[in-house]
Amino acid sequence: MSAEIETRLAELGITLPLAAAPAANYVPYVISGSMLYISGQLPMEGGKVAVTGHVGKDVDIATAQRAAELCAINILAQAKAALSNDLGRIRRLVKINGFVASVPDFVEQHLVINGASNLLANVLGEAGKHARAAVGMAALPFNAAVEIDAVIEIA
């Protein structure tokens, strides 16, 4: 399955970056039994937060969806690092939690997090279909527009 995932990534024009180091006193992932827990990932690109501000004021939905895609790419990068470069060990993406920095009257967080959900399902196939939450936040670290964490069942 690892080769299939790598092929899908290539077809989508995605090159996974090196997994980002934590920005505070936590680890980027934890493996417990057959579960991989990935800490919240920001929309990092080229070593910096690529999309900042509040959705509904500074950031439109399409740009916020791109931020969610970047978070998903960084989730996959962390998973690859955690699994010794073998994404084929992913049995199922169990759940993602999506946090959207948004103005109080913005109520379409679900549309923003679709950016991540669609990318993960496209890359992981059936194993990428997941439960999720999509919630609005007053602010996120480094003024990021989106942050997403993940729970993954592994072999």
N, C-alpha and C. Protein backbone atom coordinates (compact mmCIF):
# COMPACT_ATOMS: atom_id res chain seq x y z
N MET A 1 0.81 -1.20 0.00
CA MET A 1 0.00 0.00 0.00
C MET A 1 0.86 1.26 0.00
N SER A 2 2.06 1.18 0.56
CA SER A 2 2.93 2.35 0.60
C SER A 2 3.19 2.89 -0.80
N ALA A 3 3.42 2.01 -1.76
CA ALA A 3 3.68 2.44 -3.13
C ALA A 3 2.43 3.12 -3.72
N GLU A 4 1.24 2.59 -3.40
CA GLU A 4 0.00 3.21 -3.87
C GLU A 4 -0.14 4.63 -3.33
N ILE A 5 0.15 4.80 -2.06
CA ILE A 5 0.05 6.13 -1.45
C ILE A 5 1.05 7.07 -2.09
N GLU A 6 2.29 6.62 -2.27
CA GLU A 6 3.31 7.46 -2.90
C GLU A 6 2.90 7.82 -4.33
N THR A 7 2.27 6.87 -5.05
CA THR A 7 1.80 7.14 -6.41
C THR A 7 0.71 8.20 -6.40
N ARG A 8 -0.24 8.07 -5.47
CA ARG A 8 -1.32 9.07 -5.38
C ARG A 8 -0.76 10.45 -5.06
N LEU A 9 0.20 10.50 -4.13
CA LEU A 9 0.82 11.79 -3.82
C LEU A 9 1.46 12.39 -5.06
N ALA A 10 2.20 11.58 -5.81
CA ALA A 10 2.86 12.07 -7.03
C ALA A 10 1.83 12.54 -8.05
N GLU A 11 0.74 11.78 -8.20
CA GLU A 11 -0.31 12.17 -9.15
C GLU A 11 -0.94 13.51 -8.77
N LEU A 12 -1.00 13.78 -7.47
CA LEU A 12 -1.58 15.04 -6.99
C LEU A 12 -0.54 16.16 -6.95
N GLY A 13 0.71 15.84 -7.32
CA GLY A 13 1.77 16.84 -7.32
C GLY A 13 2.23 17.23 -5.93
N ILE A 14 2.09 16.30 -4.98
CA ILE A 14 2.46 16.59 -3.60
C ILE A 14 3.77 15.90 -3.24
N THR A 15 4.69 16.68 -2.75
CA THR A 15 5.92 16.15 -2.17
C THR A 15 5.85 16.43 -0.68
N LEU A 16 5.90 15.37 0.12
CA LEU A 16 5.81 15.57 1.56
C LEU A 16 7.07 16.25 2.07
N PRO A 17 6.90 17.28 2.90
CA PRO A 17 8.07 17.95 3.48
C PRO A 17 8.65 17.10 4.61
N LEU A 18 9.79 17.49 5.13
CA LEU A 18 10.29 16.87 6.34
C LEU A 18 9.33 17.24 7.46
N ALA A 19 9.11 16.31 8.36
CA ALA A 19 8.20 16.56 9.48
C ALA A 19 8.72 17.72 10.32
N ALA A 20 7.84 18.64 10.63
CA ALA A 20 8.22 19.81 11.42
C ALA A 20 8.48 19.43 12.87
N ALA A 21 9.46 20.10 13.47
CA ALA A 21 9.76 19.91 14.88
C ALA A 21 8.71 20.64 15.71
N PRO A 22 8.43 20.17 16.92
CA PRO A 22 7.46 20.86 17.77
C PRO A 22 7.92 22.26 18.12
N ALA A 23 6.95 23.15 18.32
CA ALA A 23 7.25 24.54 18.64
C ALA A 23 7.22 24.82 20.14
N ALA A 24 6.96 23.80 20.95
CA ALA A 24 6.89 23.97 22.40
C ALA A 24 7.21 22.64 23.07
N ASN A 25 6.82 22.48 24.32
CA ASN A 25 7.14 21.28 25.10
C ASN A 25 6.12 20.17 24.86
N TYR A 26 6.20 19.54 23.71
CA TYR A 26 5.37 18.39 23.36
C TYR A 26 6.09 17.61 22.28
N VAL A 27 5.58 16.43 21.98
CA VAL A 27 6.17 15.64 20.90
C VAL A 27 5.24 15.71 19.69
N PRO A 28 5.79 15.54 18.48
CA PRO A 28 4.96 15.68 17.29
C PRO A 28 3.98 14.52 17.09
N TYR A 29 4.28 13.38 17.70
CA TYR A 29 3.38 12.23 17.60
C TYR A 29 3.66 11.28 18.75
N VAL A 30 2.66 10.43 19.01
CA VAL A 30 2.79 9.38 20.01
C VAL A 30 2.19 8.12 19.41
N ILE A 31 2.90 7.01 19.55
CA ILE A 31 2.35 5.71 19.17
C ILE A 31 2.02 4.97 20.46
N SER A 32 0.78 4.53 20.57
CA SER A 32 0.33 3.75 21.72
C SER A 32 -0.43 2.54 21.18
N GLY A 33 0.17 1.36 21.32
CA GLY A 33 -0.45 0.17 20.75
C GLY A 33 -0.52 0.31 19.24
N SER A 34 -1.72 0.16 18.70
CA SER A 34 -1.91 0.27 17.25
C SER A 34 -2.44 1.64 16.83
N MET A 35 -2.28 2.63 17.71
CA MET A 35 -2.78 3.97 17.40
C MET A 35 -1.64 4.97 17.32
N LEU A 36 -1.72 5.83 16.31
CA LEU A 36 -0.77 6.92 16.12
C LEU A 36 -1.54 8.22 16.32
N TYR A 37 -1.09 9.01 17.28
CA TYR A 37 -1.71 10.31 17.57
C TYR A 37 -0.75 11.39 17.08
N ILE A 38 -1.24 12.22 16.16
CA ILE A 38 -0.40 13.27 15.60
C ILE A 38 -0.85 14.61 16.17
N SER A 39 0.11 15.32 16.74
CA SER A 39 -0.17 16.65 17.30
C SER A 39 -0.68 17.59 16.22
N GLY A 40 -1.33 18.65 16.66
CA GLY A 40 -1.87 19.64 15.73
C GLY A 40 -0.83 20.16 14.75
N GLN A 41 -1.21 20.16 13.49
CA GLN A 41 -0.32 20.63 12.42
C GLN A 41 -0.88 21.93 11.86
N LEU A 42 0.02 22.87 11.65
CA LEU A 42 -0.34 24.16 11.08
C LEU A 42 -0.12 24.14 9.57
N PRO A 43 -0.64 25.13 8.87
CA PRO A 43 -0.45 25.19 7.41
C PRO A 43 0.95 25.69 7.04
N MET A 44 1.94 24.87 7.38
CA MET A 44 3.33 25.23 7.13
C MET A 44 3.70 24.91 5.68
N GLU A 45 4.45 25.83 5.10
CA GLU A 45 4.96 25.63 3.75
C GLU A 45 6.27 26.41 3.65
N GLY A 46 7.32 25.73 3.24
CA GLY A 46 8.61 26.40 3.14
C GLY A 46 9.13 26.90 4.47
N GLY A 47 8.78 26.21 5.55
CA GLY A 47 9.30 26.57 6.86
C GLY A 47 8.58 27.69 7.58
N LYS A 48 7.45 28.14 7.03
CA LYS A 48 6.69 29.21 7.71
C LYS A 48 5.19 28.95 7.56
N VAL A 49 4.43 29.61 8.42
CA VAL A 49 2.97 29.50 8.36
C VAL A 49 2.52 30.21 7.09
N ALA A 50 1.88 29.47 6.19
CA ALA A 50 1.54 30.00 4.87
C ALA A 50 0.24 30.79 4.85
N VAL A 51 -0.69 30.49 5.76
CA VAL A 51 -1.98 31.18 5.76
C VAL A 51 -2.26 31.65 7.18
N THR A 52 -2.32 32.97 7.35
CA THR A 52 -2.55 33.54 8.67
C THR A 52 -3.80 34.43 8.65
N GLY A 53 -4.32 34.66 9.84
CA GLY A 53 -5.47 35.54 9.98
C GLY A 53 -6.75 34.79 10.28
N HIS A 54 -7.85 35.52 10.29
CA HIS A 54 -9.15 34.96 10.62
C HIS A 54 -10.01 34.76 9.37
N VAL A 55 -10.57 33.56 9.27
CA VAL A 55 -11.47 33.26 8.16
C VAL A 55 -12.76 34.07 8.37
N GLY A 56 -13.21 34.68 7.31
CA GLY A 56 -14.36 35.55 7.37
C GLY A 56 -13.98 37.02 7.48
N LYS A 57 -12.69 37.29 7.68
CA LYS A 57 -12.19 38.67 7.72
C LYS A 57 -10.97 38.80 6.83
N ASP A 58 -9.87 38.12 7.21
CA ASP A 58 -8.60 38.23 6.48
C ASP A 58 -8.43 37.14 5.42
N VAL A 59 -9.15 36.02 5.60
CA VAL A 59 -8.95 34.83 4.78
C VAL A 59 -10.28 34.36 4.21
N ASP A 60 -10.33 34.11 2.89
CA ASP A 60 -11.57 33.60 2.30
C ASP A 60 -11.60 32.07 2.40
N ILE A 61 -12.74 31.49 2.08
CA ILE A 61 -12.92 30.04 2.25
C ILE A 61 -11.94 29.25 1.39
N ALA A 62 -11.74 29.65 0.14
CA ALA A 62 -10.83 28.90 -0.74
C ALA A 62 -9.40 28.90 -0.19
N THR A 63 -8.95 30.03 0.32
CA THR A 63 -7.60 30.10 0.89
C THR A 63 -7.53 29.28 2.17
N ALA A 64 -8.58 29.32 2.97
CA ALA A 64 -8.62 28.52 4.20
C ALA A 64 -8.63 27.02 3.87
N GLN A 65 -9.31 26.63 2.80
CA GLN A 65 -9.28 25.23 2.38
C GLN A 65 -7.87 24.82 1.99
N ARG A 66 -7.15 25.70 1.34
CA ARG A 66 -5.74 25.42 1.00
C ARG A 66 -4.91 25.27 2.28
N ALA A 67 -5.21 26.10 3.28
CA ALA A 67 -4.52 25.96 4.57
C ALA A 67 -4.80 24.59 5.17
N ALA A 68 -6.04 24.13 5.09
CA ALA A 68 -6.40 22.81 5.61
C ALA A 68 -5.66 21.71 4.84
N GLU A 69 -5.53 21.87 3.54
CA GLU A 69 -4.75 20.91 2.74
C GLU A 69 -3.30 20.86 3.21
N LEU A 70 -2.72 22.01 3.48
CA LEU A 70 -1.34 22.05 3.97
C LEU A 70 -1.22 21.35 5.32
N CYS A 71 -2.22 21.54 6.18
CA CYS A 71 -2.22 20.83 7.46
C CYS A 71 -2.24 19.32 7.22
N ALA A 72 -3.06 18.88 6.28
CA ALA A 72 -3.16 17.45 5.96
C ALA A 72 -1.85 16.92 5.42
N ILE A 73 -1.19 17.69 4.57
CA ILE A 73 0.11 17.29 4.04
C ILE A 73 1.11 17.14 5.19
N ASN A 74 1.05 18.04 6.14
CA ASN A 74 1.96 17.96 7.29
C ASN A 74 1.59 16.82 8.22
N ILE A 75 0.33 16.45 8.31
CA ILE A 75 -0.07 15.25 9.05
C ILE A 75 0.56 14.03 8.40
N LEU A 76 0.49 13.95 7.07
CA LEU A 76 1.09 12.82 6.37
C LEU A 76 2.61 12.79 6.55
N ALA A 77 3.23 13.96 6.57
CA ALA A 77 4.68 14.02 6.80
C ALA A 77 5.03 13.50 8.19
N GLN A 78 4.24 13.87 9.19
CA GLN A 78 4.48 13.37 10.55
C GLN A 78 4.25 11.86 10.61
N ALA A 79 3.19 11.39 9.95
CA ALA A 79 2.91 9.95 9.93
C ALA A 79 4.07 9.20 9.28
N LYS A 80 4.59 9.73 8.20
CA LYS A 80 5.71 9.08 7.52
C LYS A 80 6.92 9.00 8.43
N ALA A 81 7.20 10.07 9.17
CA ALA A 81 8.32 10.07 10.11
C ALA A 81 8.08 9.07 11.24
N ALA A 82 6.87 9.02 11.75
CA ALA A 82 6.53 8.13 12.86
C ALA A 82 6.62 6.66 12.45
N LEU A 83 6.32 6.39 11.19
CA LEU A 83 6.22 5.01 10.69
C LEU A 83 7.45 4.60 9.88
N SER A 84 8.58 5.20 10.17
CA SER A 84 9.84 4.87 9.50
C SER A 84 9.71 4.90 7.98
N ASN A 85 9.08 5.94 7.48
CA ASN A 85 8.89 6.19 6.05
C ASN A 85 7.93 5.22 5.36
N ASP A 86 7.14 4.47 6.12
CA ASP A 86 6.24 3.47 5.53
C ASP A 86 4.77 3.84 5.76
N LEU A 87 4.24 4.68 4.87
CA LEU A 87 2.83 5.06 4.98
C LEU A 87 1.90 3.88 4.75
N GLY A 88 2.42 2.80 4.23
CA GLY A 88 1.62 1.59 4.03
C GLY A 88 1.18 0.97 5.34
N ARG A 89 1.77 1.38 6.45
CA ARG A 89 1.35 0.87 7.76
C ARG A 89 0.03 1.50 8.24
N ILE A 90 -0.44 2.51 7.53
CA ILE A 90 -1.71 3.14 7.91
C ILE A 90 -2.86 2.19 7.57
N ARG A 91 -3.58 1.76 8.59
CA ARG A 91 -4.77 0.93 8.36
C ARG A 91 -5.98 1.80 8.12
N ARG A 92 -6.09 2.87 8.93
CA ARG A 92 -7.26 3.74 8.80
C ARG A 92 -6.98 5.07 9.48
N LEU A 93 -7.35 6.13 8.84
CA LEU A 93 -7.41 7.43 9.47
C LEU A 93 -8.70 7.45 10.27
N VAL A 94 -8.59 7.43 11.59
CA VAL A 94 -9.76 7.31 12.45
C VAL A 94 -10.50 8.64 12.58
N LYS A 95 -9.75 9.71 12.93
CA LYS A 95 -10.41 10.99 13.17
C LYS A 95 -9.44 12.13 12.99
N ILE A 96 -9.96 13.24 12.48
CA ILE A 96 -9.23 14.50 12.50
C ILE A 96 -10.06 15.52 13.27
N ASN A 97 -9.37 16.41 13.94
CA ASN A 97 -10.00 17.55 14.60
C ASN A 97 -9.48 18.80 13.92
N GLY A 98 -10.39 19.56 13.33
CA GLY A 98 -10.01 20.77 12.60
C GLY A 98 -10.41 22.01 13.37
N PHE A 99 -9.45 22.90 13.54
CA PHE A 99 -9.67 24.15 14.26
C PHE A 99 -9.47 25.30 13.28
N VAL A 100 -10.46 26.18 13.20
CA VAL A 100 -10.43 27.27 12.24
C VAL A 100 -10.48 28.59 12.99
N ALA A 101 -9.45 29.41 12.87
CA ALA A 101 -9.49 30.76 13.44
C ALA A 101 -10.47 31.55 12.59
N SER A 102 -11.56 31.96 13.20
CA SER A 102 -12.60 32.61 12.42
C SER A 102 -13.31 33.69 13.24
N VAL A 103 -13.92 34.61 12.52
CA VAL A 103 -14.69 35.66 13.18
C VAL A 103 -15.96 35.04 13.76
N PRO A 104 -16.54 35.67 14.77
CA PRO A 104 -17.68 35.07 15.47
C PRO A 104 -18.88 34.70 14.58
N ASP A 105 -19.12 35.45 13.52
CA ASP A 105 -20.30 35.15 12.70
C ASP A 105 -20.00 34.21 11.52
N PHE A 106 -18.77 33.70 11.43
CA PHE A 106 -18.43 32.72 10.39
C PHE A 106 -18.88 31.34 10.87
N VAL A 107 -19.68 30.66 10.07
CA VAL A 107 -20.26 29.37 10.49
C VAL A 107 -20.01 28.25 9.49
N GLU A 108 -18.99 28.39 8.65
CA GLU A 108 -18.74 27.38 7.63
C GLU A 108 -17.38 26.71 7.82
N GLN A 109 -17.03 26.45 9.08
CA GLN A 109 -15.79 25.76 9.39
C GLN A 109 -15.73 24.41 8.69
N HIS A 110 -16.88 23.75 8.56
CA HIS A 110 -16.92 22.44 7.90
C HIS A 110 -16.43 22.52 6.46
N LEU A 111 -16.73 23.61 5.78
CA LEU A 111 -16.26 23.77 4.40
C LEU A 111 -14.74 23.93 4.36
N VAL A 112 -14.20 24.62 5.34
CA VAL A 112 -12.75 24.81 5.41
C VAL A 112 -12.06 23.46 5.60
N ILE A 113 -12.53 22.67 6.57
CA ILE A 113 -11.88 21.40 6.89
C ILE A 113 -12.08 20.37 5.78
N ASN A 114 -13.05 20.60 4.90
CA ASN A 114 -13.19 19.73 3.72
C ASN A 114 -11.90 19.70 2.91
N GLY A 115 -11.12 20.78 2.95
CA GLY A 115 -9.85 20.79 2.24
C GLY A 115 -8.95 19.66 2.69
N ALA A 116 -8.89 19.44 4.00
CA ALA A 116 -8.07 18.35 4.54
C ALA A 116 -8.74 17.01 4.31
N SER A 117 -10.03 16.92 4.58
CA SER A 117 -10.74 15.64 4.43
C SER A 117 -10.64 15.12 3.00
N ASN A 118 -10.83 15.99 2.03
CA ASN A 118 -10.77 15.57 0.63
C ASN A 118 -9.37 15.10 0.25
N LEU A 119 -8.36 15.84 0.68
CA LEU A 119 -6.99 15.46 0.35
C LEU A 119 -6.64 14.11 0.98
N LEU A 120 -6.97 13.93 2.25
CA LEU A 120 -6.63 12.68 2.94
C LEU A 120 -7.36 11.49 2.33
N ALA A 121 -8.61 11.66 1.95
CA ALA A 121 -9.36 10.57 1.31
C ALA A 121 -8.77 10.27 -0.07
N ASN A 122 -8.36 11.30 -0.81
CA ASN A 122 -7.76 11.08 -2.12
C ASN A 122 -6.42 10.35 -2.02
N VAL A 123 -5.63 10.67 -1.01
CA VAL A 123 -4.31 10.06 -0.86
C VAL A 123 -4.40 8.65 -0.28
N LEU A 124 -5.22 8.49 0.74
CA LEU A 124 -5.27 7.21 1.46
C LEU A 124 -6.36 6.26 0.97
N GLY A 125 -7.20 6.71 0.07
CA GLY A 125 -8.29 5.86 -0.43
C GLY A 125 -9.29 5.55 0.66
N GLU A 126 -9.81 4.35 0.66
CA GLU A 126 -10.83 3.94 1.64
C GLU A 126 -10.33 4.13 3.07
N ALA A 127 -9.06 3.90 3.31
CA ALA A 127 -8.48 4.05 4.65
C ALA A 127 -8.46 5.51 5.10
N GLY A 128 -8.68 6.44 4.19
CA GLY A 128 -8.66 7.86 4.52
C GLY A 128 -10.00 8.44 4.90
N LYS A 129 -11.06 7.64 4.84
CA LYS A 129 -12.38 8.13 5.24
C LYS A 129 -12.44 8.11 6.76
N HIS A 130 -12.83 9.23 7.37
CA HIS A 130 -12.63 9.42 8.79
C HIS A 130 -13.78 10.16 9.46
N ALA A 131 -13.83 10.04 10.77
CA ALA A 131 -14.69 10.90 11.59
C ALA A 131 -13.95 12.22 11.77
N ARG A 132 -14.68 13.29 12.13
CA ARG A 132 -13.99 14.55 12.32
C ARG A 132 -14.81 15.55 13.11
N ALA A 133 -14.12 16.58 13.55
CA ALA A 133 -14.76 17.76 14.12
C ALA A 133 -14.21 18.96 13.36
N ALA A 134 -15.03 19.98 13.22
CA ALA A 134 -14.61 21.23 12.58
C ALA A 134 -15.16 22.36 13.44
N VAL A 135 -14.28 23.04 14.15
CA VAL A 135 -14.72 24.04 15.12
C VAL A 135 -14.04 25.38 14.90
N GLY A 136 -14.75 26.43 15.28
CA GLY A 136 -14.21 27.78 15.19
C GLY A 136 -13.47 28.15 16.47
N MET A 137 -12.40 28.90 16.30
CA MET A 137 -11.55 29.32 17.42
C MET A 137 -11.34 30.83 17.35
N ALA A 138 -11.11 31.43 18.52
CA ALA A 138 -10.81 32.86 18.55
C ALA A 138 -9.44 33.15 17.95
N ALA A 139 -8.48 32.25 18.19
CA ALA A 139 -7.13 32.43 17.66
C ALA A 139 -6.39 31.11 17.72
N LEU A 140 -5.37 30.97 16.89
CA LEU A 140 -4.52 29.79 16.86
C LEU A 140 -3.05 30.21 16.96
N PRO A 141 -2.16 29.29 17.32
CA PRO A 141 -0.74 29.64 17.44
C PRO A 141 -0.18 30.27 16.16
N PHE A 142 0.68 31.25 16.35
CA PHE A 142 1.37 31.93 15.25
C PHE A 142 0.40 32.61 14.27
N ASN A 143 -0.82 32.87 14.74
CA ASN A 143 -1.86 33.51 13.92
C ASN A 143 -2.27 32.63 12.72
N ALA A 144 -2.04 31.32 12.83
CA ALA A 144 -2.43 30.40 11.76
C ALA A 144 -3.94 30.44 11.58
N ALA A 145 -4.39 30.28 10.35
CA ALA A 145 -5.82 30.27 10.06
C ALA A 145 -6.45 28.91 10.39
N VAL A 146 -5.66 27.83 10.33
CA VAL A 146 -6.18 26.47 10.54
C VAL A 146 -5.13 25.65 11.28
N GLU A 147 -5.61 24.72 12.11
CA GLU A 147 -4.77 23.71 12.75
C GLU A 147 -5.56 22.41 12.77
N ILE A 148 -4.89 21.30 12.49
CA ILE A 148 -5.57 20.00 12.46
C ILE A 148 -4.69 18.96 13.12
N ASP A 149 -5.32 18.12 13.96
CA ASP A 149 -4.62 16.96 14.52
C ASP A 149 -5.28 15.70 13.99
N ALA A 150 -4.67 14.54 14.27
CA ALA A 150 -5.18 13.30 13.70
C ALA A 150 -4.93 12.11 14.62
N VAL A 151 -5.83 11.13 14.48
CA VAL A 151 -5.69 9.83 15.12
C VAL A 151 -5.73 8.78 14.01
N ILE A 152 -4.72 7.92 13.98
CA ILE A 152 -4.56 6.96 12.89
C ILE A 152 -4.33 5.57 13.46
N GLU A 153 -5.07 4.59 12.95
CA GLU A 153 -4.80 3.19 13.31
C GLU A 153 -3.70 2.67 12.39
N ILE A 154 -2.70 2.00 13.00
CA ILE A 154 -1.56 1.53 12.22
C ILE A 154 -1.33 0.04 12.41
N ALA A 155 -0.60 -0.54 11.47
CA ALA A 155 -0.21 -1.94 11.56
C ALA A 155 1.12 -2.05 12.27
